[in-house]
Amino acid sequence: MPALPAVFLERAIAHRAYHDLSAGRPENSRAAIRAAIGAGYGIEIDLQLSADGKAMVFHDYDLGRLTGARGAVRLRAAEDLGEIALLGGDEGIPTLSECLSIVGGAVPLLIELKDQDGAMGPAIGPLEADVALCLAGYDGPVAVMSFNPYSVARMQELLPEVPRGLTTSAFLAGDWPTVPADRRDALRAIPDFERVGASFISHAARDLDAQSVARVKAAGYPVLCWTIRSPEEERAARAIADQITFEGYAA
């Protein structure tokens, strides 16, 4: 089980990169990634799958909130997605490969694979495969994580040398409408930590006092958290968390 490199705990991590629409830097954009590097922050990015099996740096399942287009990301090819402009910027949706070239090991990179099953189940594989292909030979501090333990387990098989973690929360019904109640109840206790060879968690800041988080921390593993949006929230989170993922201010 590879440990999370210490550099991830040295500087705050920019959530979806250092985005700021007022400065023309949409979330998960090349511009936001370059801004994070310039400021010396670590970077967190999200991945969705294209129709032709490419890892795209994009948070949502649907294109609507972040672009002028509509429909599911996974129904369009990577080339098509690359031509869809991100709202508030002047560039299209990037691939993971492009973003790795931009970062080039300059700062720590935390990669979240979004659940592709829809219910945190085992219908995964293509996204993990392309991530492994992209990361092969990448020279820089990098770690992967997902809310879906099946995804993290697959990354353990594909890239056992890359640190991996679980993205976690209270798994409330309103936040996870497609996930069955019994599955949410199970995930809340973080039962898969050892099984998937995780070496950290990234937990919802509003739920940091959960007993499941305390168990991970007591066992000596780093606790990261999301999403911090003010210095006041940061001070409160750091009472428990070893590192924050932030947006909307300069951490």
C-alpha atoms as a PDB file:
ATOM      1  CA  MET A   1       0.000   0.000   0.000  1.00  0.00           C
ATOM      2  CA  PRO A   2       1.776   3.187  -1.157  1.00  0.00           C
ATOM      3  CA  ALA A   3       1.552   6.092   1.278  1.00  0.00           C
ATOM      4  CA  LEU A   4       0.284   9.510   0.288  1.00  0.00           C
ATOM      5  CA  PRO A   5       3.448  11.574  -0.347  1.00  0.00           C
ATOM      6  CA  ALA A   6       4.145  14.161   2.358  1.00  0.00           C
ATOM      7  CA  VAL A   7       4.093  16.965  -0.219  1.00  0.00           C
ATOM      8  CA  PHE A   8       0.297  16.620  -0.400  1.00  0.00           C
ATOM      9  CA  LEU A   9       0.120  17.855   3.190  1.00  0.00           C
ATOM     10  CA  GLU A  10       2.426  20.832   2.750  1.00  0.00           C
ATOM     11  CA  ARG A  11       0.240  23.216   0.727  1.00  0.00           C
ATOM     12  CA  ALA A  12      -3.518  23.530   0.350  1.00  0.00           C
ATOM     13  CA  ILE A  13      -5.123  21.797  -2.625  1.00  0.00           C
ATOM     14  CA  ALA A  14      -7.095  23.859  -5.125  1.00  0.00           C
ATOM     15  CA  HIS A  15     -10.519  22.275  -5.657  1.00  0.00           C
ATOM     16  CA  ARG A  16     -11.119  21.626  -9.369  1.00  0.00           C
ATOM     17  CA  ALA A  17      -7.872  23.593  -9.778  1.00  0.00           C
ATOM     18  CA  TYR A  18      -7.546  27.282  -8.868  1.00  0.00           C
ATOM     19  CA  HIS A  19     -10.694  28.384 -10.648  1.00  0.00           C
ATOM     20  CA  ASP A  20     -12.125  31.897 -10.753  1.00  0.00           C
ATOM     21  CA  LEU A  21     -14.726  32.790 -13.365  1.00  0.00           C
ATOM     22  CA  SER A  22     -14.129  36.513 -12.869  1.00  0.00           C
ATOM     23  CA  ALA A  23     -10.570  35.905 -14.060  1.00  0.00           C
ATOM     24  CA  GLY A  24     -11.586  33.659 -16.957  1.00  0.00           C
ATOM     25  CA  ARG A  25     -10.617  30.426 -15.208  1.00  0.00           C
ATOM     26  CA  PRO A  26     -13.475  27.876 -15.191  1.00  0.00           C
ATOM     27  CA  GLU A  27     -13.275  24.891 -12.867  1.00  0.00           C
ATOM     28  CA  ASN A  28     -11.150  21.978 -14.106  1.00  0.00           C
ATOM     29  CA  SER A  29      -9.781  24.112 -16.945  1.00  0.00           C
ATOM     30  CA  ARG A  30      -6.253  24.418 -18.267  1.00  0.00           C
ATOM     31  CA  ALA A  31      -6.232  28.048 -17.139  1.00  0.00           C
ATOM     32  CA  ALA A  32      -7.213  27.060 -13.589  1.00  0.00           C
ATOM     33  CA  ILE A  33      -4.501  24.403 -13.540  1.00  0.00           C
ATOM     34  CA  ARG A  34      -1.845  26.872 -14.677  1.00  0.00           C
ATOM     35  CA  ALA A  35      -3.019  29.371 -12.031  1.00  0.00           C
ATOM     36  CA  ALA A  36      -2.699  26.748  -9.292  1.00  0.00           C
ATOM     37  CA  ILE A  37       0.819  25.925 -10.413  1.00  0.00           C
ATOM     38  CA  GLY A  38       1.717  29.613 -10.444  1.00  0.00           C
ATOM     39  CA  ALA A  39       0.417  30.018  -6.892  1.00  0.00           C
ATOM     40  CA  GLY A  40       2.147  26.854  -5.690  1.00  0.00           C
ATOM     41  CA  TYR A  41      -1.035  25.035  -4.697  1.00  0.00           C
ATOM     42  CA  GLY A  42      -1.699  21.357  -5.048  1.00  0.00           C
ATOM     43  CA  ILE A  43      -4.408  20.552  -7.578  1.00  0.00           C
ATOM     44  CA  GLU A  44      -7.551  18.419  -7.392  1.00  0.00           C
ATOM     45  CA  ILE A  45      -9.285  17.507 -10.650  1.00  0.00           C
ATOM     46  CA  ASP A  46     -12.276  15.345 -11.581  1.00  0.00           C
ATOM     47  CA  LEU A  47     -12.631  12.803 -14.353  1.00  0.00           C
ATOM     48  CA  GLN A  48     -15.530  11.674 -16.486  1.00  0.00           C
ATOM     49  CA  LEU A  49     -15.445   9.205 -19.379  1.00  0.00           C
ATOM     50  CA  SER A  50     -15.915  10.102 -23.046  1.00  0.00           C
ATOM     51  CA  ALA A  51     -17.765   7.913 -25.549  1.00  0.00           C
ATOM     52  CA  ASP A  52     -14.465   6.700 -26.956  1.00  0.00           C
ATOM     53  CA  GLY A  53     -12.986   5.758 -23.593  1.00  0.00           C
ATOM     54  CA  LYS A  54     -10.910   8.831 -22.763  1.00  0.00           C
ATOM     55  CA  ALA A  55     -10.559  10.363 -19.310  1.00  0.00           C
ATOM     56  CA  MET A  56     -11.905  13.919 -19.533  1.00  0.00           C
ATOM     57  CA  VAL A  57     -11.215  16.539 -16.869  1.00  0.00           C
ATOM     58  CA  PHE A  58     -14.769  17.551 -16.022  1.00  0.00           C
ATOM     59  CA  HIS A  59     -16.844  17.290 -12.857  1.00  0.00           C
ATOM     60  CA  ASP A  60     -20.468  16.774 -13.866  1.00  0.00           C
ATOM     61  CA  TYR A  61     -22.096  13.870 -15.661  1.00  0.00           C
ATOM     62  CA  ASP A  62     -24.059  16.340 -17.790  1.00  0.00           C
ATOM     63  CA  LEU A  63     -22.633  19.188 -19.860  1.00  0.00           C
ATOM     64  CA  GLY A  64     -25.340  21.704 -18.986  1.00  0.00           C
ATOM     65  CA  ARG A  65     -24.011  23.522 -15.904  1.00  0.00           C
ATOM     66  CA  LEU A  66     -20.500  24.142 -17.178  1.00  0.00           C
ATOM     67  CA  THR A  67     -20.946  24.562 -20.933  1.00  0.00           C
ATOM     68  CA  GLY A  68     -23.488  25.806 -23.444  1.00  0.00           C
ATOM     69  CA  ALA A  69     -24.147  22.219 -24.542  1.00  0.00           C
ATOM     70  CA  ARG A  70     -26.547  19.607 -23.198  1.00  0.00           C
ATOM     71  CA  GLY A  71     -26.410  15.867 -22.631  1.00  0.00           C
ATOM     72  CA  ALA A  72     -24.163  13.354 -20.933  1.00  0.00           C
ATOM     73  CA  VAL A  73     -20.388  13.654 -21.234  1.00  0.00           C
ATOM     74  CA  ARG A  74     -20.060   9.946 -21.906  1.00  0.00           C
ATOM     75  CA  LEU A  75     -22.184  10.182 -25.067  1.00  0.00           C
ATOM     76  CA  ARG A  76     -19.615  12.354 -26.871  1.00  0.00           C
ATOM     77  CA  ALA A  77     -16.151  11.557 -28.169  1.00  0.00           C
ATOM     78  CA  ALA A  78     -13.102  13.212 -26.664  1.00  0.00           C
ATOM     79  CA  GLU A  79     -12.435  15.311 -29.775  1.00  0.00           C
ATOM     80  CA  ASP A  80     -16.001  16.619 -29.708  1.00  0.00           C
ATOM     81  CA  LEU A  81     -15.774  17.404 -25.999  1.00  0.00           C
ATOM     82  CA  GLY A  82     -12.531  19.268 -26.574  1.00  0.00           C
ATOM     83  CA  GLU A  83     -14.367  21.655 -28.879  1.00  0.00           C
ATOM     84  CA  ILE A  84     -17.115  22.455 -26.369  1.00  0.00           C
ATOM     85  CA  ALA A  85     -16.222  25.728 -24.651  1.00  0.00           C
ATOM     86  CA  LEU A  86     -16.298  25.939 -20.887  1.00  0.00           C
ATOM     87  CA  LEU A  87     -18.521  28.791 -19.736  1.00  0.00           C
ATOM     88  CA  GLY A  88     -16.517  31.739 -18.478  1.00  0.00           C
ATOM     89  CA  GLY A  89     -13.394  30.824 -20.400  1.00  0.00           C
ATOM     90  CA  ASP A  90     -12.039  30.489 -23.902  1.00  0.00           C
ATOM     91  CA  GLU A  91     -11.094  26.814 -24.019  1.00  0.00           C
ATOM     92  CA  GLY A  92     -12.724  23.416 -24.368  1.00  0.00           C
ATOM     93  CA  ILE A  93     -12.883  20.420 -22.054  1.00  0.00           C
ATOM     94  CA  PRO A  94      -9.361  18.983 -21.576  1.00  0.00           C
ATOM     95  CA  THR A  95      -8.276  15.369 -21.451  1.00  0.00           C
ATOM     96  CA  LEU A  96      -6.358  13.966 -18.506  1.00  0.00           C
ATOM     97  CA  SER A  97      -3.376  13.469 -20.788  1.00  0.00           C
ATOM     98  CA  GLU A  98      -3.330  17.183 -21.653  1.00  0.00           C
ATOM     99  CA  CYS A  99      -3.541  18.205 -18.013  1.00  0.00           C
ATOM    100  CA  LEU A 100      -0.747  15.863 -16.994  1.00  0.00           C
ATOM    101  CA  SER A 101       1.449  17.534 -19.600  1.00  0.00           C
ATOM    102  CA  ILE A 102       0.631  20.946 -18.156  1.00  0.00           C
ATOM    103  CA  VAL A 103       1.308  19.945 -14.531  1.00  0.00           C
ATOM    104  CA  GLY A 104       4.428  17.966 -15.370  1.00  0.00           C
ATOM    105  CA  GLY A 105       5.107  17.135 -11.735  1.00  0.00           C
ATOM    106  CA  ALA A 106       5.351  20.790 -10.696  1.00  0.00           C
ATOM    107  CA  VAL A 107       2.792  20.408  -7.874  1.00  0.00           C
ATOM    108  CA  PRO A 108       0.920  17.496  -6.258  1.00  0.00           C
ATOM    109  CA  LEU A 109      -2.017  16.264  -8.323  1.00  0.00           C
ATOM    110  CA  LEU A 110      -5.062  14.638  -6.715  1.00  0.00           C
ATOM    111  CA  ILE A 111      -7.278  12.907  -9.276  1.00  0.00           C
ATOM    112  CA  GLU A 112     -10.876  11.979  -8.485  1.00  0.00           C
ATOM    113  CA  LEU A 113     -12.534   9.377 -10.697  1.00  0.00           C
ATOM    114  CA  LYS A 114     -16.253  10.087 -10.695  1.00  0.00           C
ATOM    115  CA  ASP A 115     -18.537   7.100 -10.159  1.00  0.00           C
ATOM    116  CA  GLN A 116     -19.508   5.577 -13.515  1.00  0.00           C
ATOM    117  CA  ASP A 117     -21.896   2.944 -12.128  1.00  0.00           C
ATOM    118  CA  GLY A 118     -24.532   5.360 -10.859  1.00  0.00           C
ATOM    119  CA  ALA A 119     -25.058   3.441  -7.630  1.00  0.00           C
ATOM    120  CA  MET A 120     -21.481   2.978  -6.383  1.00  0.00           C
ATOM    121  CA  GLY A 121     -21.466  -0.529  -7.799  1.00  0.00           C
ATOM    122  CA  PRO A 122     -19.149  -2.644  -9.965  1.00  0.00           C
ATOM    123  CA  ALA A 123     -20.082  -1.305 -13.423  1.00  0.00           C
ATOM    124  CA  ILE A 124     -16.742   0.424 -13.881  1.00  0.00           C
ATOM    125  CA  GLY A 125     -13.561  -0.229 -15.850  1.00  0.00           C
ATOM    126  CA  PRO A 126     -13.036   1.922 -18.969  1.00  0.00           C
ATOM    127  CA  LEU A 127     -12.295   5.128 -17.066  1.00  0.00           C
ATOM    128  CA  GLU A 128      -9.856   3.387 -14.740  1.00  0.00           C
ATOM    129  CA  ALA A 129      -8.121   1.778 -17.715  1.00  0.00           C
ATOM    130  CA  ASP A 130      -7.488   5.103 -19.444  1.00  0.00           C
ATOM    131  CA  VAL A 131      -6.322   6.730 -16.221  1.00  0.00           C
ATOM    132  CA  ALA A 132      -3.782   3.945 -15.794  1.00  0.00           C
ATOM    133  CA  LEU A 133      -2.634   4.404 -19.373  1.00  0.00           C
ATOM    134  CA  CYS A 134      -2.247   8.160 -18.933  1.00  0.00           C
ATOM    135  CA  LEU A 135      -0.370   7.839 -15.629  1.00  0.00           C
ATOM    136  CA  ALA A 136       2.074   5.219 -16.854  1.00  0.00           C
ATOM    137  CA  GLY A 137       5.434   6.922 -16.651  1.00  0.00           C
ATOM    138  CA  TYR A 138       4.083  10.173 -15.160  1.00  0.00           C
ATOM    139  CA  ASP A 139       6.898  11.743 -13.148  1.00  0.00           C
ATOM    140  CA  GLY A 140       5.431  13.718 -10.293  1.00  0.00           C
ATOM    141  CA  PRO A 141       3.472  13.439  -7.044  1.00  0.00           C
ATOM    142  CA  VAL A 142       0.059  12.034  -7.909  1.00  0.00           C
ATOM    143  CA  ALA A 143      -2.736  10.179  -6.117  1.00  0.00           C
ATOM    144  CA  VAL A 144      -6.113   8.849  -7.198  1.00  0.00           C
ATOM    145  CA  MET A 145      -9.398   8.598  -5.339  1.00  0.00           C
ATOM    146  CA  SER A 146     -13.090   7.921  -5.825  1.00  0.00           C
ATOM    147  CA  PHE A 147     -16.341   7.711  -3.917  1.00  0.00           C
ATOM    148  CA  ASN A 148     -16.788   4.283  -5.504  1.00  0.00           C
ATOM    149  CA  PRO A 149     -14.646   1.633  -3.754  1.00  0.00           C
ATOM    150  CA  TYR A 150     -14.857  -0.583  -6.840  1.00  0.00           C
ATOM    151  CA  SER A 151     -13.055   2.120  -8.790  1.00  0.00           C
ATOM    152  CA  VAL A 152     -10.320   2.411  -6.174  1.00  0.00           C
ATOM    153  CA  ALA A 153      -9.925  -1.373  -6.101  1.00  0.00           C
ATOM    154  CA  ARG A 154      -9.502  -1.384  -9.883  1.00  0.00           C
ATOM    155  CA  MET A 155      -6.793   1.261  -9.636  1.00  0.00           C
ATOM    156  CA  GLN A 156      -5.065  -0.945  -7.067  1.00  0.00           C
ATOM    157  CA  GLU A 157      -4.946  -3.685  -9.703  1.00  0.00           C
ATOM    158  CA  LEU A 158      -3.871  -1.434 -12.564  1.00  0.00           C
ATOM    159  CA  LEU A 159      -1.404   0.885 -10.815  1.00  0.00           C
ATOM    160  CA  PRO A 160      -0.506  -0.627  -7.439  1.00  0.00           C
ATOM    161  CA  GLU A 161       2.378   1.812  -7.015  1.00  0.00           C
ATOM    162  CA  VAL A 162       0.150   4.927  -7.161  1.00  0.00           C
ATOM    163  CA  PRO A 163      -1.305   6.097  -3.823  1.00  0.00           C
ATOM    164  CA  ARG A 164      -5.077   5.803  -3.668  1.00  0.00           C
ATOM    165  CA  GLY A 165      -7.783   6.987  -1.346  1.00  0.00           C
ATOM    166  CA  LEU A 166     -11.513   7.073  -0.812  1.00  0.00           C
ATOM    167  CA  THR A 167     -13.606  10.200  -1.228  1.00  0.00           C
ATOM    168  CA  THR A 168     -16.113  10.011   1.606  1.00  0.00           C
ATOM    169  CA  SER A 169     -19.057  11.792   3.199  1.00  0.00           C
ATOM    170  CA  ALA A 170     -22.191  11.218   5.256  1.00  0.00           C
ATOM    171  CA  PHE A 171     -23.834   9.892   2.058  1.00  0.00           C
ATOM    172  CA  LEU A 172     -27.110  11.664   2.692  1.00  0.00           C
ATOM    173  CA  ALA A 173     -30.069  10.743   0.514  1.00  0.00           C
ATOM    174  CA  GLY A 174     -30.411  14.245  -0.926  1.00  0.00           C
ATOM    175  CA  ASP A 175     -26.821  14.220  -2.137  1.00  0.00           C
ATOM    176  CA  TRP A 176     -26.976  10.719  -3.632  1.00  0.00           C
ATOM    177  CA  PRO A 177     -30.453  10.188  -5.113  1.00  0.00           C
ATOM    178  CA  THR A 178     -29.394   7.295  -7.373  1.00  0.00           C
ATOM    179  CA  VAL A 179     -27.629   5.314  -4.647  1.00  0.00           C
ATOM    180  CA  PRO A 180     -29.833   2.849  -2.691  1.00  0.00           C
ATOM    181  CA  ALA A 181     -30.237   3.525   1.013  1.00  0.00           C
ATOM    182  CA  ASP A 182     -28.536   0.295   2.073  1.00  0.00           C
ATOM    183  CA  ARG A 183     -25.530   1.128  -0.078  1.00  0.00           C
ATOM    184  CA  ARG A 184     -25.312   4.633   1.369  1.00  0.00           C
ATOM    185  CA  ASP A 185     -25.560   3.240   4.883  1.00  0.00           C
ATOM    186  CA  ALA A 186     -22.711   0.856   4.184  1.00  0.00           C
ATOM    187  CA  LEU A 187     -20.435   3.449   2.587  1.00  0.00           C
ATOM    188  CA  ARG A 188     -20.907   5.866   5.477  1.00  0.00           C
ATOM    189  CA  ALA A 189     -18.749   3.667   7.735  1.00  0.00           C
ATOM    190  CA  ILE A 190     -15.858   3.602   5.206  1.00  0.00           C
ATOM    191  CA  PRO A 191     -15.725  -0.215   5.337  1.00  0.00           C
ATOM    192  CA  ASP A 192     -13.572  -0.686   2.244  1.00  0.00           C
ATOM    193  CA  PHE A 193     -10.497   1.273   3.364  1.00  0.00           C
ATOM    194  CA  GLU A 194      -8.233  -1.685   3.993  1.00  0.00           C
ATOM    195  CA  ARG A 195      -9.680  -3.847   1.217  1.00  0.00           C
ATOM    196  CA  VAL A 196      -8.811  -1.379  -1.542  1.00  0.00           C
ATOM    197  CA  GLY A 197      -5.396  -0.547  -0.113  1.00  0.00           C
ATOM    198  CA  ALA A 198      -6.296   3.072   0.600  1.00  0.00           C
ATOM    199  CA  SER A 199      -3.782   5.304   2.341  1.00  0.00           C
ATOM    200  CA  PHE A 200      -5.975   8.401   2.882  1.00  0.00           C
ATOM    201  CA  ILE A 201      -9.512   9.714   2.747  1.00  0.00           C
ATOM    202  CA  SER A 202     -10.902  13.000   1.466  1.00  0.00           C
ATOM    203  CA  HIS A 203     -14.013  13.635   3.540  1.00  0.00           C
ATOM    204  CA  ALA A 204     -16.813  16.202   3.409  1.00  0.00           C
ATOM    205  CA  ALA A 205     -15.854  19.086   5.696  1.00  0.00           C
ATOM    206  CA  ARG A 206     -19.339  19.350   7.206  1.00  0.00           C
ATOM    207  CA  ASP A 207     -19.034  15.772   8.504  1.00  0.00           C
ATOM    208  CA  LEU A 208     -15.459  15.713   9.797  1.00  0.00           C
ATOM    209  CA  ASP A 209     -16.547  14.804  13.316  1.00  0.00           C
ATOM    210  CA  ALA A 210     -17.881  11.424  12.135  1.00  0.00           C
ATOM    211  CA  GLN A 211     -16.649   8.338  13.986  1.00  0.00           C
ATOM    212  CA  SER A 212     -15.527   6.792  10.694  1.00  0.00           C
ATOM    213  CA  VAL A 213     -13.165   9.721  10.134  1.00  0.00           C
ATOM    214  CA  ALA A 214     -11.838   9.448  13.678  1.00  0.00           C
ATOM    215  CA  ARG A 215     -11.002   5.775  13.112  1.00  0.00           C
ATOM    216  CA  VAL A 216      -9.003   6.550   9.963  1.00  0.00           C
ATOM    217  CA  LYS A 217      -7.128   9.354  11.709  1.00  0.00           C
ATOM    218  CA  ALA A 218      -6.457   7.239  14.811  1.00  0.00           C
ATOM    219  CA  ALA A 219      -4.918   4.580  12.587  1.00  0.00           C
ATOM    220  CA  GLY A 220      -2.365   7.133  11.391  1.00  0.00           C
ATOM    221  CA  TYR A 221      -3.702   7.819   7.897  1.00  0.00           C
ATOM    222  CA  PRO A 222      -4.044  11.345   6.468  1.00  0.00           C
ATOM    223  CA  VAL A 223      -7.485  12.938   6.421  1.00  0.00           C
ATOM    224  CA  LEU A 224      -8.081  15.425   3.636  1.00  0.00           C
ATOM    225  CA  CYS A 225     -11.354  17.341   3.349  1.00  0.00           C
ATOM    226  CA  TRP A 226     -13.603  19.132   0.863  1.00  0.00           C
ATOM    227  CA  THR A 227     -14.726  21.790   0.114  1.00  0.00           C
ATOM    228  CA  ILE A 228     -13.458  24.755   2.151  1.00  0.00           C
ATOM    229  CA  ARG A 229     -14.657  28.188   1.014  1.00  0.00           C
ATOM    230  CA  SER A 230     -13.367  30.676   3.604  1.00  0.00           C
ATOM    231  CA  PRO A 231     -10.542  31.197   6.116  1.00  0.00           C
ATOM    232  CA  GLU A 232     -13.057  30.589   8.896  1.00  0.00           C
ATOM    233  CA  GLU A 233     -14.042  27.211   7.455  1.00  0.00           C
ATOM    234  CA  GLU A 234     -10.374  26.396   6.997  1.00  0.00           C
ATOM    235  CA  ARG A 235      -9.545  27.043  10.642  1.00  0.00           C
ATOM    236  CA  ALA A 236     -12.393  24.806  11.773  1.00  0.00           C
ATOM    237  CA  ALA A 237     -11.498  22.010   9.364  1.00  0.00           C
ATOM    238  CA  ARG A 238      -7.821  21.980  10.268  1.00  0.00           C
ATOM    239  CA  ALA A 239      -8.738  21.086  13.838  1.00  0.00           C
ATOM    240  CA  ILE A 240      -9.327  17.592  12.424  1.00  0.00           C
ATOM    241  CA  ALA A 241      -8.140  17.402   8.830  1.00  0.00           C
ATOM    242  CA  ASP A 242      -4.499  17.162   7.800  1.00  0.00           C
ATOM    243  CA  GLN A 243      -5.163  19.037   4.559  1.00  0.00           C
ATOM    244  CA  ILE A 244      -7.924  21.014   2.891  1.00  0.00           C
ATOM    245  CA  THR A 245      -9.316  21.211  -0.625  1.00  0.00           C
ATOM    246  CA  PHE A 246     -10.449  24.817  -1.128  1.00  0.00           C
ATOM    247  CA  GLU A 247     -12.045  27.238  -3.566  1.00  0.00           C
ATOM    248  CA  GLY A 248     -13.207  30.840  -3.691  1.00  0.00           C
ATOM    249  CA  TYR A 249     -10.357  32.403  -1.702  1.00  0.00           C
ATOM    250  CA  ALA A 250      -6.566  32.300  -1.386  1.00  0.00           C
ATOM    251  CA  ALA A 251      -5.732  29.618   1.168  1.00  0.00           C
END
